[in-house]
Amino acid sequence: KDEELKSFFLDQIKRIHSFVRKFPSHRLVTVAIDSPNAGGTLQDAFGIDKRCWGHYNKRVSVKRHRNGTLDRPSVGVSV
């Protein structure tokens, strides 16, 4: 299953790049979303201040109790 998903993902990237080559009026922006410079990349591409591109759903640790329930800390989004 991992190889199938990887293959699908890579094929999808090829389809997107092919589409953009075919229709050059479309702009392709590739962003490494886990990069500390992602906000700057998005600001350069779209003109929206990099401070607006936050990272709010960071992975948080999850504690599993003996009874099988999960304790997930709440994650807030600043506005």
N, C-alpha and C. Protein backbone atom coordinates (compact mmCIF):
# COMPACT_ATOMS: atom_id res chain seq x y z
N LYS A 1 0.82 -1.21 0.00
CA LYS A 1 0.00 0.00 0.00
C LYS A 1 0.86 1.26 0.00
N ASP A 2 1.99 1.26 0.71
CA ASP A 2 2.85 2.44 0.73
C ASP A 2 3.36 2.76 -0.67
N GLU A 3 3.77 1.74 -1.41
CA GLU A 3 4.28 1.96 -2.77
C GLU A 3 3.17 2.46 -3.68
N GLU A 4 1.97 1.96 -3.49
CA GLU A 4 0.83 2.39 -4.30
C GLU A 4 0.53 3.87 -4.05
N LEU A 5 0.55 4.28 -2.80
CA LEU A 5 0.32 5.68 -2.46
C LEU A 5 1.43 6.56 -3.00
N LYS A 6 2.66 6.12 -2.85
CA LYS A 6 3.81 6.88 -3.36
C LYS A 6 3.70 7.04 -4.87
N SER A 7 3.35 5.99 -5.56
CA SER A 7 3.21 6.03 -7.01
C SER A 7 2.09 7.00 -7.42
N PHE A 8 0.96 6.95 -6.72
CA PHE A 8 -0.14 7.85 -7.00
C PHE A 8 0.30 9.31 -6.81
N PHE A 9 0.98 9.57 -5.72
CA PHE A 9 1.44 10.93 -5.40
C PHE A 9 2.39 11.45 -6.48
N LEU A 10 3.36 10.65 -6.86
CA LEU A 10 4.32 11.08 -7.88
C LEU A 10 3.65 11.27 -9.23
N ASP A 11 2.70 10.40 -9.59
CA ASP A 11 1.95 10.55 -10.83
C ASP A 11 1.12 11.83 -10.81
N GLN A 12 0.57 12.15 -9.66
CA GLN A 12 -0.24 13.37 -9.54
C GLN A 12 0.64 14.61 -9.76
N ILE A 13 1.84 14.61 -9.22
CA ILE A 13 2.76 15.72 -9.43
C ILE A 13 3.06 15.87 -10.92
N LYS A 14 3.30 14.74 -11.60
CA LYS A 14 3.56 14.79 -13.04
C LYS A 14 2.37 15.36 -13.80
N ARG A 15 1.14 14.96 -13.42
CA ARG A 15 -0.06 15.48 -14.08
C ARG A 15 -0.18 16.99 -13.88
N ILE A 16 0.10 17.45 -12.69
CA ILE A 16 0.00 18.89 -12.41
C ILE A 16 1.03 19.66 -13.23
N HIS A 17 2.26 19.20 -13.25
CA HIS A 17 3.30 19.87 -14.03
C HIS A 17 2.97 19.86 -15.52
N SER A 18 2.43 18.77 -16.01
CA SER A 18 2.03 18.67 -17.41
C SER A 18 0.91 19.67 -17.71
N PHE A 19 -0.05 19.77 -16.82
CA PHE A 19 -1.16 20.71 -16.99
C PHE A 19 -0.65 22.15 -17.07
N VAL A 20 0.26 22.51 -16.18
CA VAL A 20 0.79 23.87 -16.15
C VAL A 20 1.60 24.16 -17.42
N ARG A 21 2.33 23.18 -17.92
CA ARG A 21 3.06 23.36 -19.19
C ARG A 21 2.07 23.58 -20.34
N LYS A 22 0.97 22.86 -20.30
CA LYS A 22 -0.03 22.94 -21.35
C LYS A 22 -0.80 24.26 -21.32
N PHE A 23 -1.01 24.80 -20.13
CA PHE A 23 -1.75 26.04 -19.94
C PHE A 23 -0.87 27.03 -19.18
N PRO A 24 0.04 27.70 -19.89
CA PRO A 24 1.04 28.55 -19.23
C PRO A 24 0.48 29.77 -18.51
N SER A 25 -0.80 30.07 -18.71
CA SER A 25 -1.38 31.19 -17.96
C SER A 25 -1.58 30.83 -16.49
N HIS A 26 -1.51 29.54 -16.18
CA HIS A 26 -1.60 29.09 -14.79
C HIS A 26 -0.23 29.16 -14.15
N ARG A 27 -0.21 29.51 -12.91
CA ARG A 27 1.05 29.65 -12.18
C ARG A 27 1.16 28.51 -11.16
N LEU A 28 2.27 27.85 -11.18
CA LEU A 28 2.51 26.75 -10.25
C LEU A 28 3.42 27.24 -9.14
N VAL A 29 2.97 27.11 -7.92
CA VAL A 29 3.76 27.49 -6.75
C VAL A 29 4.01 26.23 -5.94
N THR A 30 5.27 25.88 -5.77
CA THR A 30 5.63 24.72 -4.98
C THR A 30 6.22 25.20 -3.67
N VAL A 31 5.67 24.72 -2.57
CA VAL A 31 6.09 25.19 -1.25
C VAL A 31 6.38 24.00 -0.35
N ALA A 32 7.54 24.02 0.28
CA ALA A 32 7.84 23.03 1.32
C ALA A 32 7.17 23.55 2.59
N ILE A 33 6.00 23.03 2.89
CA ILE A 33 5.20 23.62 3.96
C ILE A 33 5.81 23.49 5.34
N ASP A 34 6.78 22.59 5.48
CA ASP A 34 7.43 22.46 6.78
C ASP A 34 8.70 23.31 6.88
N SER A 35 8.97 24.09 5.86
CA SER A 35 10.14 24.96 5.87
C SER A 35 9.88 26.21 6.71
N PRO A 36 10.87 26.68 7.43
CA PRO A 36 10.70 27.93 8.18
C PRO A 36 10.50 29.12 7.25
N ASN A 37 10.84 28.97 5.96
CA ASN A 37 10.68 30.05 4.99
C ASN A 37 9.40 29.94 4.17
N ALA A 38 8.50 29.03 4.53
CA ALA A 38 7.28 28.82 3.76
C ALA A 38 6.45 30.11 3.68
N GLY A 39 6.34 30.83 4.76
CA GLY A 39 5.58 32.09 4.74
C GLY A 39 6.15 33.08 3.76
N GLY A 40 7.47 33.19 3.70
CA GLY A 40 8.12 34.09 2.75
C GLY A 40 7.88 33.68 1.31
N THR A 41 7.92 32.37 1.06
CA THR A 41 7.66 31.86 -0.29
C THR A 41 6.24 32.20 -0.71
N LEU A 42 5.28 31.99 0.20
CA LEU A 42 3.88 32.30 -0.11
C LEU A 42 3.67 33.81 -0.26
N GLN A 43 4.36 34.59 0.54
CA GLN A 43 4.26 36.05 0.41
C GLN A 43 4.76 36.48 -0.96
N ASP A 44 5.90 35.95 -1.38
CA ASP A 44 6.45 36.29 -2.69
C ASP A 44 5.51 35.88 -3.82
N ALA A 45 4.86 34.74 -3.67
CA ALA A 45 4.00 34.21 -4.73
C ALA A 45 2.66 34.91 -4.81
N PHE A 46 2.08 35.25 -3.64
CA PHE A 46 0.71 35.76 -3.63
C PHE A 46 0.57 37.18 -3.11
N GLY A 47 1.66 37.75 -2.58
CA GLY A 47 1.61 39.12 -2.10
C GLY A 47 0.90 39.30 -0.77
N ILE A 48 0.65 38.23 -0.06
CA ILE A 48 0.00 38.30 1.26
C ILE A 48 1.09 38.18 2.31
N ASP A 49 1.10 39.10 3.25
CA ASP A 49 2.15 39.17 4.27
C ASP A 49 2.46 37.81 4.86
N LYS A 50 3.75 37.52 4.99
CA LYS A 50 4.17 36.19 5.47
C LYS A 50 3.69 35.88 6.87
N ARG A 51 3.36 36.91 7.65
CA ARG A 51 2.86 36.67 9.01
C ARG A 51 1.46 36.05 9.00
N CYS A 52 0.77 36.14 7.86
CA CYS A 52 -0.57 35.55 7.75
C CYS A 52 -0.52 34.04 7.50
N TRP A 53 0.65 33.55 7.12
CA TRP A 53 0.79 32.13 6.82
C TRP A 53 1.36 31.44 8.05
N GLY A 54 0.50 31.10 8.99
CA GLY A 54 0.95 30.49 10.23
C GLY A 54 0.95 28.97 10.18
N HIS A 55 1.45 28.39 11.23
CA HIS A 55 1.50 26.94 11.39
C HIS A 55 0.73 26.62 12.66
N TYR A 56 -0.57 26.33 12.50
CA TYR A 56 -1.43 26.20 13.66
C TYR A 56 -1.80 24.78 14.02
N ASN A 57 -1.64 23.85 13.13
CA ASN A 57 -2.03 22.48 13.44
C ASN A 57 -0.81 21.61 13.65
N LYS A 58 0.14 22.11 14.39
CA LYS A 58 1.35 21.35 14.66
C LYS A 58 1.00 20.05 15.36
N ARG A 59 1.75 19.02 15.04
CA ARG A 59 1.51 17.72 15.66
C ARG A 59 1.71 17.85 17.17
N VAL A 60 0.77 17.34 17.88
CA VAL A 60 0.86 17.36 19.33
C VAL A 60 0.88 15.93 19.83
N SER A 61 1.48 15.72 20.95
CA SER A 61 1.53 14.36 21.47
C SER A 61 0.14 13.94 21.95
N VAL A 62 -0.12 12.68 21.80
CA VAL A 62 -1.40 12.11 22.20
C VAL A 62 -1.13 11.05 23.24
N LYS A 63 -1.81 11.14 24.35
CA LYS A 63 -1.62 10.17 25.42
C LYS A 63 -2.77 9.16 25.38
N ARG A 64 -2.43 7.88 25.33
CA ARG A 64 -3.45 6.82 25.35
C ARG A 64 -3.54 6.30 26.78
N HIS A 65 -4.77 6.34 27.28
CA HIS A 65 -5.02 5.85 28.64
C HIS A 65 -5.20 4.33 28.62
N ARG A 66 -5.10 3.73 29.78
CA ARG A 66 -5.24 2.27 29.87
C ARG A 66 -6.59 1.78 29.37
N ASN A 67 -7.62 2.62 29.48
CA ASN A 67 -8.94 2.20 29.03
C ASN A 67 -9.13 2.38 27.51
N GLY A 68 -8.06 2.83 26.82
CA GLY A 68 -8.12 2.97 25.37
C GLY A 68 -8.52 4.35 24.87
N THR A 69 -8.95 5.22 25.77
CA THR A 69 -9.32 6.56 25.33
C THR A 69 -8.06 7.39 25.07
N LEU A 70 -8.22 8.41 24.25
CA LEU A 70 -7.11 9.28 23.90
C LEU A 70 -7.28 10.64 24.56
N ASP A 71 -6.19 11.21 24.99
CA ASP A 71 -6.19 12.54 25.58
C ASP A 71 -5.41 13.44 24.63
N ARG A 72 -6.14 14.27 23.88
CA ARG A 72 -5.49 15.17 22.93
C ARG A 72 -5.58 16.59 23.45
N PRO A 73 -4.46 17.28 23.57
CA PRO A 73 -4.51 18.67 23.97
C PRO A 73 -5.21 19.48 22.90
N SER A 74 -5.95 20.51 23.29
CA SER A 74 -6.61 21.35 22.30
C SER A 74 -5.57 22.24 21.63
N VAL A 75 -5.80 22.52 20.38
CA VAL A 75 -4.91 23.38 19.60
C VAL A 75 -5.70 24.59 19.19
N GLY A 76 -5.21 25.77 19.57
CA GLY A 76 -5.92 27.00 19.21
C GLY A 76 -5.41 27.63 17.95
N VAL A 77 -6.25 28.44 17.35
CA VAL A 77 -5.89 29.19 16.14
C VAL A 77 -6.02 30.66 16.48
N SER A 78 -4.93 31.39 16.30
CA SER A 78 -5.01 32.82 16.57
C SER A 78 -5.59 33.52 15.38
N VAL A 79 -6.33 34.58 15.64
CA VAL A 79 -6.97 35.33 14.56
C VAL A 79 -6.41 36.72 14.50
